[in-house]
């Protein structure tokens, strides 16, 4: 199990959640328990859940402060806006100046 990471993680795992208290603990624990030889972080986009999801996220943030990065500011963002904001947080960690020039399509080609 990876207990801590360096200041710049090599991998960012993005998790979106809204009212997933029944699943979030299992999801996060399964990611944290992965044996790796590289540093990683888990960025969790929590959209103001009302079912206890925030408590589970806080528990994991306290247990794994160097791995769990909650992003709780996405009030009503829904998945299509929440995930790109999580990607922004991941690329912010990498500090890639060229990332600001990338364009993400609003729809994937069919």
N, C-alpha and C. Protein backbone atom coordinates (compact mmCIF):
# COMPACT_ATOMS: atom_id res chain seq x y z
N UNK A 1 0.84 -1.17 0.00
CA UNK A 1 0.00 0.00 0.00
C UNK A 1 0.89 1.24 0.00
N UNK A 2 0.51 2.22 -0.78
CA UNK A 2 1.22 3.47 -0.83
C UNK A 2 0.71 4.37 0.29
N UNK A 3 1.56 4.69 1.25
CA UNK A 3 1.14 5.50 2.39
C UNK A 3 1.26 7.00 2.13
N UNK A 4 2.26 7.39 1.37
CA UNK A 4 2.43 8.81 1.12
C UNK A 4 3.00 9.01 -0.28
N UNK A 5 2.95 10.22 -0.73
CA UNK A 5 3.44 10.53 -2.06
C UNK A 5 4.43 11.68 -1.98
N UNK A 6 5.18 11.84 -3.03
CA UNK A 6 6.08 12.98 -3.09
C UNK A 6 5.24 14.24 -3.33
N UNK A 7 5.88 15.38 -3.38
CA UNK A 7 5.14 16.62 -3.55
C UNK A 7 4.46 16.69 -4.92
N UNK A 8 4.98 16.01 -5.91
CA UNK A 8 4.36 15.99 -7.22
C UNK A 8 4.03 14.55 -7.59
N UNK A 9 2.75 14.18 -7.53
CA UNK A 9 2.38 12.80 -7.87
C UNK A 9 2.58 12.53 -9.35
N UNK A 10 2.88 11.29 -9.66
CA UNK A 10 3.05 10.88 -11.05
C UNK A 10 1.71 10.59 -11.71
N UNK A 11 0.74 10.13 -10.91
CA UNK A 11 -0.58 9.78 -11.42
C UNK A 11 -1.65 10.46 -10.58
N UNK A 12 -2.65 11.02 -11.25
CA UNK A 12 -3.82 11.58 -10.57
C UNK A 12 -5.02 10.74 -10.94
N UNK A 13 -5.70 10.20 -9.94
CA UNK A 13 -6.93 9.44 -10.15
C UNK A 13 -8.08 10.38 -9.81
N UNK A 14 -8.97 10.60 -10.76
CA UNK A 14 -10.11 11.50 -10.55
C UNK A 14 -11.37 10.69 -10.28
N UNK A 15 -12.06 11.03 -9.19
CA UNK A 15 -13.29 10.35 -8.79
C UNK A 15 -14.37 11.41 -8.61
N UNK A 16 -15.49 11.21 -9.27
CA UNK A 16 -16.63 12.11 -9.12
C UNK A 16 -17.65 11.41 -8.24
N UNK A 17 -18.23 12.16 -7.28
CA UNK A 17 -19.23 11.55 -6.42
C UNK A 17 -20.33 12.53 -6.07
N UNK A 18 -21.53 12.00 -6.00
CA UNK A 18 -22.69 12.73 -5.49
C UNK A 18 -23.63 11.69 -4.90
N UNK A 19 -23.84 11.78 -3.60
CA UNK A 19 -24.71 10.84 -2.88
C UNK A 19 -24.31 9.38 -3.14
N UNK A 20 -23.02 9.10 -2.99
CA UNK A 20 -22.51 7.74 -3.17
C UNK A 20 -21.93 7.17 -1.88
N UNK A 21 -22.55 7.49 -0.74
CA UNK A 21 -22.02 7.04 0.54
C UNK A 21 -21.89 5.52 0.58
N UNK A 22 -22.77 4.80 -0.09
CA UNK A 22 -22.72 3.33 -0.08
C UNK A 22 -21.51 2.78 -0.82
N UNK A 23 -20.95 3.54 -1.73
CA UNK A 23 -19.88 3.02 -2.61
C UNK A 23 -18.53 3.70 -2.43
N UNK A 24 -18.52 4.92 -1.92
CA UNK A 24 -17.29 5.71 -1.90
C UNK A 24 -16.18 5.09 -1.06
N UNK A 25 -16.52 4.57 0.09
CA UNK A 25 -15.49 3.97 0.97
C UNK A 25 -14.77 2.82 0.24
N UNK A 26 -15.53 1.94 -0.39
CA UNK A 26 -14.95 0.82 -1.13
C UNK A 26 -14.12 1.31 -2.31
N UNK A 27 -14.64 2.30 -3.01
CA UNK A 27 -13.93 2.86 -4.16
C UNK A 27 -12.58 3.43 -3.74
N UNK A 28 -12.60 4.33 -2.76
CA UNK A 28 -11.35 4.98 -2.34
C UNK A 28 -10.36 3.99 -1.74
N UNK A 29 -10.87 3.06 -0.91
CA UNK A 29 -9.96 2.10 -0.29
C UNK A 29 -9.30 1.22 -1.34
N UNK A 30 -10.05 0.84 -2.37
CA UNK A 30 -9.47 -0.01 -3.42
C UNK A 30 -8.37 0.73 -4.18
N UNK A 31 -8.51 2.02 -4.34
CA UNK A 31 -7.47 2.80 -5.02
C UNK A 31 -6.26 2.96 -4.10
N UNK A 32 -6.50 3.34 -2.85
CA UNK A 32 -5.40 3.54 -1.89
C UNK A 32 -4.60 2.25 -1.69
N UNK A 33 -5.28 1.11 -1.72
CA UNK A 33 -4.61 -0.17 -1.46
C UNK A 33 -3.76 -0.69 -2.62
N UNK A 34 -3.79 -0.01 -3.75
CA UNK A 34 -2.99 -0.47 -4.88
C UNK A 34 -1.50 -0.37 -4.54
N UNK A 35 -0.76 -1.40 -4.84
CA UNK A 35 0.68 -1.38 -4.64
C UNK A 35 1.33 -0.80 -5.89
N UNK A 36 2.03 0.30 -5.69
CA UNK A 36 2.66 0.98 -6.82
C UNK A 36 4.11 1.29 -6.48
N UNK A 37 4.88 1.56 -7.51
CA UNK A 37 6.24 2.04 -7.30
C UNK A 37 6.35 3.49 -7.77
N UNK A 38 5.21 4.18 -7.79
CA UNK A 38 5.17 5.59 -8.18
C UNK A 38 4.18 6.31 -7.26
N UNK A 39 4.33 7.60 -7.19
CA UNK A 39 3.45 8.40 -6.35
C UNK A 39 2.13 8.68 -7.08
N UNK A 40 1.05 8.78 -6.30
CA UNK A 40 -0.24 9.10 -6.89
C UNK A 40 -1.07 9.89 -5.91
N UNK A 41 -2.11 10.51 -6.45
CA UNK A 41 -3.07 11.24 -5.64
C UNK A 41 -4.46 10.84 -6.13
N UNK A 42 -5.44 11.05 -5.27
CA UNK A 42 -6.83 10.82 -5.63
C UNK A 42 -7.55 12.15 -5.46
N UNK A 43 -8.01 12.70 -6.56
CA UNK A 43 -8.76 13.96 -6.54
C UNK A 43 -10.24 13.60 -6.60
N UNK A 44 -10.98 13.99 -5.57
CA UNK A 44 -12.39 13.62 -5.48
C UNK A 44 -13.25 14.87 -5.65
N UNK A 45 -14.06 14.88 -6.69
CA UNK A 45 -15.02 15.95 -6.91
C UNK A 45 -16.32 15.61 -6.21
N UNK A 46 -16.58 16.27 -5.10
CA UNK A 46 -17.77 16.00 -4.29
C UNK A 46 -18.75 17.15 -4.48
N UNK A 47 -19.93 16.83 -4.96
CA UNK A 47 -20.91 17.84 -5.39
C UNK A 47 -22.00 18.07 -4.34
N UNK A 48 -21.60 18.37 -3.11
CA UNK A 48 -22.53 18.71 -2.02
C UNK A 48 -23.57 17.63 -1.76
N UNK A 49 -23.09 16.41 -1.58
CA UNK A 49 -23.98 15.29 -1.29
C UNK A 49 -24.75 15.52 0.01
N UNK A 50 -25.89 14.86 0.11
CA UNK A 50 -26.75 15.01 1.29
C UNK A 50 -26.91 13.69 2.05
N UNK A 51 -26.10 12.67 1.71
CA UNK A 51 -26.30 11.34 2.28
C UNK A 51 -25.15 10.84 3.14
N UNK A 52 -24.20 11.67 3.50
CA UNK A 52 -23.07 11.22 4.30
C UNK A 52 -21.80 11.01 3.50
N UNK A 53 -21.85 11.24 2.20
CA UNK A 53 -20.68 11.09 1.35
C UNK A 53 -19.54 11.99 1.83
N UNK A 54 -19.87 13.20 2.22
CA UNK A 54 -18.84 14.14 2.67
C UNK A 54 -18.12 13.62 3.91
N UNK A 55 -18.82 12.93 4.79
CA UNK A 55 -18.19 12.36 5.98
C UNK A 55 -17.19 11.27 5.62
N UNK A 56 -17.54 10.43 4.66
CA UNK A 56 -16.61 9.38 4.20
C UNK A 56 -15.38 10.03 3.59
N UNK A 57 -15.59 11.05 2.78
CA UNK A 57 -14.46 11.74 2.15
C UNK A 57 -13.56 12.38 3.20
N UNK A 58 -14.14 13.00 4.21
CA UNK A 58 -13.35 13.61 5.28
C UNK A 58 -12.56 12.54 6.04
N UNK A 59 -13.17 11.40 6.29
CA UNK A 59 -12.49 10.30 6.96
C UNK A 59 -11.24 9.87 6.17
N UNK A 60 -11.38 9.73 4.85
CA UNK A 60 -10.24 9.32 4.03
C UNK A 60 -9.19 10.42 3.92
N UNK A 61 -9.63 11.66 3.88
CA UNK A 61 -8.68 12.77 3.85
C UNK A 61 -7.84 12.79 5.12
N UNK A 62 -8.44 12.50 6.26
CA UNK A 62 -7.71 12.46 7.52
C UNK A 62 -6.76 11.26 7.59
N UNK A 63 -7.19 10.12 7.07
CA UNK A 63 -6.36 8.92 7.10
C UNK A 63 -5.22 8.97 6.09
N UNK A 64 -5.46 9.59 4.94
CA UNK A 64 -4.46 9.62 3.86
C UNK A 64 -4.29 11.06 3.36
N UNK A 65 -3.77 11.95 4.21
CA UNK A 65 -3.69 13.37 3.83
C UNK A 65 -2.76 13.65 2.65
N UNK A 66 -1.82 12.77 2.38
CA UNK A 66 -0.90 12.99 1.27
C UNK A 66 -1.41 12.38 -0.03
N UNK A 67 -2.55 11.73 0.02
CA UNK A 67 -3.09 11.07 -1.18
C UNK A 67 -4.43 11.67 -1.59
N UNK A 68 -5.33 11.87 -0.64
CA UNK A 68 -6.70 12.33 -0.94
C UNK A 68 -6.73 13.85 -1.07
N UNK A 69 -7.26 14.32 -2.21
CA UNK A 69 -7.43 15.76 -2.45
C UNK A 69 -8.89 16.03 -2.78
N UNK A 70 -9.69 16.40 -1.79
CA UNK A 70 -11.10 16.69 -2.10
C UNK A 70 -11.25 18.03 -2.80
N UNK A 71 -12.17 18.07 -3.72
CA UNK A 71 -12.55 19.31 -4.39
C UNK A 71 -14.05 19.44 -4.20
N UNK A 72 -14.46 20.24 -3.21
CA UNK A 72 -15.86 20.29 -2.80
C UNK A 72 -16.61 21.50 -3.33
N UNK A 73 -16.06 22.23 -4.22
CA UNK A 73 -16.69 23.48 -4.63
C UNK A 73 -17.60 23.36 -5.84
N UNK A 74 -17.92 22.16 -6.26
CA UNK A 74 -18.67 22.01 -7.50
C UNK A 74 -20.17 21.91 -7.24
N UNK A 75 -20.75 22.91 -6.61
CA UNK A 75 -22.16 22.89 -6.26
C UNK A 75 -23.01 22.80 -7.53
N UNK A 76 -23.74 21.70 -7.65
CA UNK A 76 -24.63 21.53 -8.80
C UNK A 76 -23.91 21.41 -10.12
N UNK A 77 -22.64 21.05 -10.11
CA UNK A 77 -21.86 21.06 -11.34
C UNK A 77 -22.25 19.94 -12.29
N UNK A 78 -22.75 18.84 -11.78
CA UNK A 78 -23.06 17.65 -12.57
C UNK A 78 -21.80 17.15 -13.26
N UNK A 79 -21.85 15.94 -13.73
CA UNK A 79 -20.68 15.26 -14.25
C UNK A 79 -19.99 15.95 -15.41
N UNK A 80 -20.78 16.51 -16.33
CA UNK A 80 -20.15 17.08 -17.53
C UNK A 80 -19.32 18.33 -17.23
N UNK A 81 -19.56 19.00 -16.12
CA UNK A 81 -18.72 20.13 -15.73
C UNK A 81 -17.77 19.76 -14.61
N UNK A 82 -18.16 18.81 -13.77
CA UNK A 82 -17.36 18.42 -12.62
C UNK A 82 -16.06 17.76 -13.07
N UNK A 83 -16.13 16.82 -14.01
CA UNK A 83 -14.93 16.09 -14.43
C UNK A 83 -13.88 17.00 -15.06
N UNK A 84 -14.24 17.91 -15.98
CA UNK A 84 -13.20 18.82 -16.50
C UNK A 84 -12.55 19.66 -15.40
N UNK A 85 -13.31 20.02 -14.36
CA UNK A 85 -12.71 20.77 -13.26
C UNK A 85 -11.73 19.91 -12.48
N UNK A 86 -12.02 18.60 -12.37
CA UNK A 86 -11.07 17.69 -11.73
C UNK A 86 -9.81 17.56 -12.57
N UNK A 87 -9.98 17.50 -13.88
CA UNK A 87 -8.80 17.45 -14.76
C UNK A 87 -7.95 18.71 -14.59
N UNK A 88 -8.61 19.85 -14.48
CA UNK A 88 -7.87 21.09 -14.23
C UNK A 88 -7.04 20.97 -12.96
N UNK A 89 -7.64 20.40 -11.91
CA UNK A 89 -6.92 20.23 -10.64
C UNK A 89 -5.73 19.29 -10.83
N UNK A 90 -5.90 18.23 -11.61
CA UNK A 90 -4.81 17.28 -11.84
C UNK A 90 -3.68 17.94 -12.62
N UNK A 91 -4.02 18.67 -13.67
CA UNK A 91 -2.98 19.32 -14.46
C UNK A 91 -2.35 20.49 -13.73
N UNK A 92 -3.10 21.10 -12.82
CA UNK A 92 -2.54 22.15 -11.97
C UNK A 92 -1.40 21.58 -11.13
N UNK A 93 -1.59 20.36 -10.65
CA UNK A 93 -0.57 19.68 -9.86
C UNK A 93 0.70 19.50 -10.70
N UNK A 94 0.51 19.15 -11.96
CA UNK A 94 1.65 18.92 -12.85
C UNK A 94 2.32 20.22 -13.28
N UNK A 95 1.57 21.31 -13.18
CA UNK A 95 2.10 22.61 -13.55
C UNK A 95 2.60 22.61 -14.99
N UNK A 96 1.72 22.22 -15.90
CA UNK A 96 2.07 22.21 -17.32
C UNK A 96 1.57 23.50 -17.96
N UNK A 97 2.46 24.39 -18.34
CA UNK A 97 2.00 25.64 -18.93
C UNK A 97 1.22 25.43 -20.23
N UNK A 98 1.57 24.40 -20.98
CA UNK A 98 0.89 24.17 -22.24
C UNK A 98 -0.53 23.64 -22.05
N UNK A 99 -0.87 23.18 -20.84
CA UNK A 99 -2.21 22.65 -20.60
C UNK A 99 -3.26 23.72 -20.84
N UNK A 100 -2.96 24.96 -20.50
CA UNK A 100 -3.94 26.03 -20.66
C UNK A 100 -4.31 26.24 -22.13
N UNK A 101 -3.51 25.71 -23.04
CA UNK A 101 -3.79 25.87 -24.46
C UNK A 101 -4.59 24.69 -25.02
N UNK A 102 -4.78 23.62 -24.22
CA UNK A 102 -5.54 22.47 -24.70
C UNK A 102 -7.01 22.80 -24.76
N UNK A 103 -7.69 22.23 -25.73
CA UNK A 103 -9.13 22.41 -25.87
C UNK A 103 -9.80 21.05 -25.76
N UNK A 104 -10.81 20.95 -24.92
CA UNK A 104 -11.56 19.72 -24.78
C UNK A 104 -12.88 19.89 -25.52
N UNK A 105 -13.22 18.95 -26.37
CA UNK A 105 -14.50 19.07 -27.09
C UNK A 105 -15.66 18.94 -26.13
N UNK A 106 -16.75 19.64 -26.45
CA UNK A 106 -17.92 19.52 -25.60
C UNK A 106 -18.64 18.21 -25.84
N UNK A 107 -18.38 17.59 -26.99
CA UNK A 107 -18.95 16.28 -27.31
C UNK A 107 -17.87 15.42 -27.93
N UNK A 108 -17.91 14.17 -27.59
CA UNK A 108 -16.99 13.23 -28.23
C UNK A 108 -17.56 12.88 -29.60
N UNK A 109 -16.70 12.72 -30.61
CA UNK A 109 -17.21 12.35 -31.94
C UNK A 109 -17.88 10.98 -31.89
N UNK A 110 -18.90 10.82 -32.72
CA UNK A 110 -19.61 9.54 -32.76
C UNK A 110 -19.10 8.67 -33.90
